[in-house]
Amino acid sequence: MDWLCPPFHVRLHELLERYHGEITAEIAVRYITPGTNSGNLMVAVYDLTHNQTYFAFGHQNPDGKKVDAYLRPFIKLDLNELFSHKLSV
């Protein structure tokens, strides 16, 4: 997405203003990313406060229909849990 594209950054501004003071990773995943139609191949949202990450990937159905990443289910990873495991060598 071109960040200097007026329709995109105006819409992003509207959504950031609407959710100002309430933005969480979940709000970004549910409302902001889909509201801007941003993320056809991949979307990643990082919550550095809670050490969580959310991501979704675009997909092409067998019939050739493309489904943008922001319209698909997101996977949530708890980075504290993920990196708490010790490697056994």
N, C-alpha and C. Protein backbone atom coordinates (compact mmCIF):
# COMPACT_ATOMS: atom_id res chain seq x y z
N MET A 1 0.86 -1.18 0.00
CA MET A 1 0.00 0.00 0.00
C MET A 1 0.89 1.23 0.00
N ASP A 2 0.55 2.16 -0.81
CA ASP A 2 1.28 3.42 -0.89
C ASP A 2 0.85 4.32 0.27
N TRP A 3 1.77 4.63 1.16
CA TRP A 3 1.44 5.44 2.34
C TRP A 3 1.10 6.88 1.97
N LEU A 4 1.42 7.31 0.75
CA LEU A 4 1.09 8.67 0.33
C LEU A 4 -0.17 8.70 -0.51
N CYS A 5 -0.95 7.65 -0.45
CA CYS A 5 -2.21 7.56 -1.18
C CYS A 5 -3.30 8.22 -0.34
N PRO A 6 -3.80 9.40 -0.76
CA PRO A 6 -4.77 10.13 0.08
C PRO A 6 -5.96 9.31 0.57
N PRO A 7 -6.62 8.51 -0.27
CA PRO A 7 -7.77 7.76 0.27
C PRO A 7 -7.36 6.82 1.42
N PHE A 8 -6.15 6.25 1.33
CA PHE A 8 -5.70 5.34 2.38
C PHE A 8 -5.35 6.09 3.66
N HIS A 9 -4.49 7.10 3.56
CA HIS A 9 -4.06 7.72 4.82
C HIS A 9 -5.16 8.57 5.44
N VAL A 10 -6.11 9.06 4.65
CA VAL A 10 -7.25 9.77 5.23
C VAL A 10 -8.11 8.78 6.02
N ARG A 11 -8.35 7.60 5.45
CA ARG A 11 -9.15 6.58 6.14
C ARG A 11 -8.42 6.08 7.39
N LEU A 12 -7.12 5.89 7.29
CA LEU A 12 -6.35 5.47 8.46
C LEU A 12 -6.44 6.52 9.55
N HIS A 13 -6.34 7.79 9.19
CA HIS A 13 -6.47 8.88 10.17
C HIS A 13 -7.83 8.83 10.85
N GLU A 14 -8.87 8.62 10.06
CA GLU A 14 -10.23 8.55 10.64
C GLU A 14 -10.34 7.42 11.66
N LEU A 15 -9.79 6.27 11.33
CA LEU A 15 -9.88 5.13 12.24
C LEU A 15 -9.02 5.33 13.49
N LEU A 16 -7.83 5.89 13.32
CA LEU A 16 -6.98 6.15 14.48
C LEU A 16 -7.62 7.18 15.40
N GLU A 17 -8.26 8.17 14.81
CA GLU A 17 -8.96 9.18 15.60
C GLU A 17 -10.16 8.56 16.32
N ARG A 18 -10.88 7.70 15.64
CA ARG A 18 -12.06 7.06 16.24
C ARG A 18 -11.68 6.20 17.45
N TYR A 19 -10.58 5.47 17.36
CA TYR A 19 -10.18 4.55 18.43
C TYR A 19 -9.09 5.14 19.33
N HIS A 20 -8.82 6.42 19.19
CA HIS A 20 -7.78 7.08 19.99
C HIS A 20 -7.95 6.78 21.48
N GLY A 21 -6.88 6.36 22.11
CA GLY A 21 -6.90 6.05 23.53
C GLY A 21 -7.41 4.66 23.85
N GLU A 22 -7.89 3.94 22.85
CA GLU A 22 -8.44 2.61 23.06
C GLU A 22 -7.77 1.56 22.17
N ILE A 23 -6.75 1.95 21.44
CA ILE A 23 -6.18 1.04 20.45
C ILE A 23 -5.41 -0.08 21.14
N THR A 24 -5.82 -1.28 20.83
CA THR A 24 -5.14 -2.50 21.26
C THR A 24 -4.84 -3.31 20.01
N ALA A 25 -4.12 -4.38 20.16
CA ALA A 25 -3.86 -5.25 19.02
C ALA A 25 -5.17 -5.80 18.47
N GLU A 26 -6.09 -6.15 19.36
CA GLU A 26 -7.38 -6.69 18.92
C GLU A 26 -8.18 -5.66 18.11
N ILE A 27 -8.16 -4.40 18.55
CA ILE A 27 -8.85 -3.33 17.80
C ILE A 27 -8.20 -3.17 16.42
N ALA A 28 -6.88 -3.21 16.37
CA ALA A 28 -6.18 -3.08 15.10
C ALA A 28 -6.55 -4.22 14.15
N VAL A 29 -6.60 -5.43 14.69
CA VAL A 29 -6.92 -6.61 13.87
C VAL A 29 -8.37 -6.59 13.42
N ARG A 30 -9.28 -6.24 14.31
CA ARG A 30 -10.71 -6.33 14.00
C ARG A 30 -11.25 -5.15 13.21
N TYR A 31 -10.72 -3.95 13.47
CA TYR A 31 -11.35 -2.76 12.89
C TYR A 31 -10.43 -1.90 12.03
N ILE A 32 -9.20 -1.68 12.47
CA ILE A 32 -8.35 -0.73 11.75
C ILE A 32 -7.82 -1.32 10.45
N THR A 33 -7.23 -2.49 10.50
CA THR A 33 -6.69 -3.09 9.27
C THR A 33 -7.78 -3.35 8.25
N PRO A 34 -8.90 -4.00 8.63
CA PRO A 34 -9.95 -4.19 7.63
C PRO A 34 -10.58 -2.88 7.16
N GLY A 35 -10.64 -1.89 8.04
CA GLY A 35 -11.23 -0.61 7.69
C GLY A 35 -10.45 0.17 6.66
N THR A 36 -9.17 -0.14 6.54
CA THR A 36 -8.34 0.53 5.54
C THR A 36 -8.11 -0.36 4.31
N ASN A 37 -8.64 -1.58 4.37
CA ASN A 37 -8.43 -2.56 3.28
C ASN A 37 -6.94 -2.76 3.01
N SER A 38 -6.17 -2.84 4.08
CA SER A 38 -4.72 -2.95 3.96
C SER A 38 -4.26 -4.34 4.35
N GLY A 39 -3.50 -4.96 3.49
CA GLY A 39 -2.93 -6.26 3.79
C GLY A 39 -3.47 -7.35 2.90
N ASN A 40 -3.07 -7.34 1.64
CA ASN A 40 -3.56 -8.39 0.76
C ASN A 40 -2.72 -9.66 0.88
N LEU A 41 -1.42 -9.52 1.04
CA LEU A 41 -0.54 -10.69 1.13
C LEU A 41 -0.34 -11.14 2.57
N MET A 42 -0.04 -10.20 3.48
CA MET A 42 0.20 -10.53 4.87
C MET A 42 -0.09 -9.32 5.74
N VAL A 43 -0.58 -9.58 6.95
CA VAL A 43 -0.78 -8.54 7.94
C VAL A 43 -0.12 -9.03 9.23
N ALA A 44 0.64 -8.15 9.87
CA ALA A 44 1.22 -8.48 11.18
C ALA A 44 0.97 -7.30 12.11
N VAL A 45 0.51 -7.63 13.32
CA VAL A 45 0.28 -6.63 14.36
C VAL A 45 1.06 -7.08 15.58
N TYR A 46 1.87 -6.19 16.12
CA TYR A 46 2.72 -6.51 17.26
C TYR A 46 2.26 -5.73 18.48
N ASP A 47 1.99 -6.44 19.56
CA ASP A 47 1.64 -5.84 20.84
C ASP A 47 2.86 -5.99 21.75
N LEU A 48 3.69 -4.98 21.76
CA LEU A 48 4.94 -5.05 22.52
C LEU A 48 4.73 -4.91 24.02
N THR A 49 3.59 -4.36 24.42
CA THR A 49 3.28 -4.24 25.84
C THR A 49 3.01 -5.61 26.44
N HIS A 50 2.28 -6.44 25.72
CA HIS A 50 1.92 -7.77 26.21
C HIS A 50 2.72 -8.89 25.56
N ASN A 51 3.69 -8.53 24.74
CA ASN A 51 4.54 -9.50 24.04
C ASN A 51 3.71 -10.53 23.27
N GLN A 52 2.82 -10.01 22.44
CA GLN A 52 1.99 -10.86 21.59
C GLN A 52 2.09 -10.37 20.16
N THR A 53 1.90 -11.28 19.25
CA THR A 53 1.88 -10.90 17.84
C THR A 53 0.70 -11.61 17.17
N TYR A 54 0.12 -10.91 16.21
CA TYR A 54 -1.00 -11.45 15.44
C TYR A 54 -0.61 -11.38 13.97
N PHE A 55 -0.91 -12.42 13.22
CA PHE A 55 -0.61 -12.36 11.80
C PHE A 55 -1.63 -13.17 11.00
N ALA A 56 -1.80 -12.76 9.75
CA ALA A 56 -2.69 -13.45 8.82
C ALA A 56 -2.05 -13.38 7.43
N PHE A 57 -2.35 -14.38 6.64
CA PHE A 57 -1.79 -14.47 5.30
C PHE A 57 -2.89 -14.54 4.26
N GLY A 58 -2.66 -13.91 3.12
CA GLY A 58 -3.58 -14.01 2.01
C GLY A 58 -3.60 -15.44 1.48
N HIS A 59 -4.63 -15.73 0.70
CA HIS A 59 -4.83 -17.10 0.23
C HIS A 59 -5.48 -17.07 -1.15
N GLN A 60 -5.18 -18.06 -1.94
CA GLN A 60 -5.87 -18.21 -3.22
C GLN A 60 -6.60 -19.55 -3.19
N ASN A 61 -7.92 -19.50 -3.34
CA ASN A 61 -8.74 -20.71 -3.34
C ASN A 61 -8.45 -21.54 -4.57
N PRO A 62 -8.81 -22.83 -4.54
CA PRO A 62 -8.60 -23.68 -5.73
C PRO A 62 -9.26 -23.14 -7.00
N ASP A 63 -10.36 -22.39 -6.84
CA ASP A 63 -11.02 -21.82 -8.01
C ASP A 63 -10.35 -20.55 -8.53
N GLY A 64 -9.25 -20.14 -7.86
CA GLY A 64 -8.50 -18.97 -8.30
C GLY A 64 -8.88 -17.69 -7.60
N LYS A 65 -9.93 -17.71 -6.77
CA LYS A 65 -10.35 -16.50 -6.06
C LYS A 65 -9.36 -16.17 -4.96
N LYS A 66 -8.90 -14.91 -4.94
CA LYS A 66 -7.95 -14.47 -3.93
C LYS A 66 -8.70 -13.90 -2.72
N VAL A 67 -8.21 -14.25 -1.53
CA VAL A 67 -8.77 -13.73 -0.29
C VAL A 67 -7.67 -12.95 0.41
N ASP A 68 -7.89 -11.66 0.62
CA ASP A 68 -6.88 -10.81 1.25
C ASP A 68 -6.62 -11.24 2.69
N ALA A 69 -5.40 -11.01 3.13
CA ALA A 69 -5.00 -11.42 4.48
C ALA A 69 -5.87 -10.78 5.55
N TYR A 70 -6.21 -9.50 5.40
CA TYR A 70 -6.97 -8.81 6.44
C TYR A 70 -8.39 -9.36 6.59
N LEU A 71 -8.86 -10.16 5.63
CA LEU A 71 -10.18 -10.78 5.71
C LEU A 71 -10.14 -12.20 6.25
N ARG A 72 -8.95 -12.71 6.50
CA ARG A 72 -8.79 -14.08 6.98
C ARG A 72 -8.56 -14.11 8.48
N PRO A 73 -8.73 -15.26 9.10
CA PRO A 73 -8.48 -15.37 10.54
C PRO A 73 -7.03 -15.05 10.87
N PHE A 74 -6.83 -14.41 12.02
CA PHE A 74 -5.50 -14.09 12.50
C PHE A 74 -5.02 -15.16 13.46
N ILE A 75 -3.74 -15.42 13.46
CA ILE A 75 -3.10 -16.33 14.41
C ILE A 75 -2.45 -15.46 15.47
N LYS A 76 -2.68 -15.80 16.73
CA LYS A 76 -2.10 -15.04 17.85
C LYS A 76 -1.02 -15.88 18.50
N LEU A 77 0.14 -15.28 18.69
CA LEU A 77 1.24 -15.95 19.39
C LEU A 77 1.59 -15.17 20.65
N ASP A 78 1.69 -15.87 21.76
CA ASP A 78 2.16 -15.29 23.01
C ASP A 78 3.68 -15.46 23.03
N LEU A 79 4.39 -14.38 22.83
CA LEU A 79 5.84 -14.46 22.71
C LEU A 79 6.51 -14.83 24.03
N ASN A 80 5.90 -14.47 25.16
CA ASN A 80 6.47 -14.89 26.45
C ASN A 80 6.48 -16.40 26.55
N GLU A 81 5.38 -17.02 26.18
CA GLU A 81 5.30 -18.48 26.23
C GLU A 81 6.21 -19.11 25.18
N LEU A 82 6.21 -18.55 24.01
CA LEU A 82 7.01 -19.10 22.92
C LEU A 82 8.50 -19.10 23.24
N PHE A 83 8.99 -18.00 23.83
CA PHE A 83 10.42 -17.89 24.11
C PHE A 83 10.82 -18.36 25.50
N SER A 84 9.87 -18.91 26.27
CA SER A 84 10.20 -19.39 27.61
C SER A 84 10.75 -20.81 27.60
N HIS A 85 10.62 -21.47 26.49
CA HIS A 85 11.10 -22.86 26.40
C HIS A 85 12.60 -22.89 26.19
N LYS A 86 13.25 -23.75 26.93
CA LYS A 86 14.70 -23.89 26.79
C LYS A 86 14.99 -24.96 25.75
N LEU A 87 15.99 -24.69 24.96
CA LEU A 87 16.40 -25.66 23.96
C LEU A 87 17.19 -26.78 24.62
N SER A 88 16.88 -28.00 24.23
CA SER A 88 17.69 -29.11 24.71
C SER A 88 18.62 -29.53 23.59
N VAL A 89 19.89 -29.57 23.91
CA VAL A 89 20.89 -29.87 22.88
C VAL A 89 21.46 -31.24 23.11
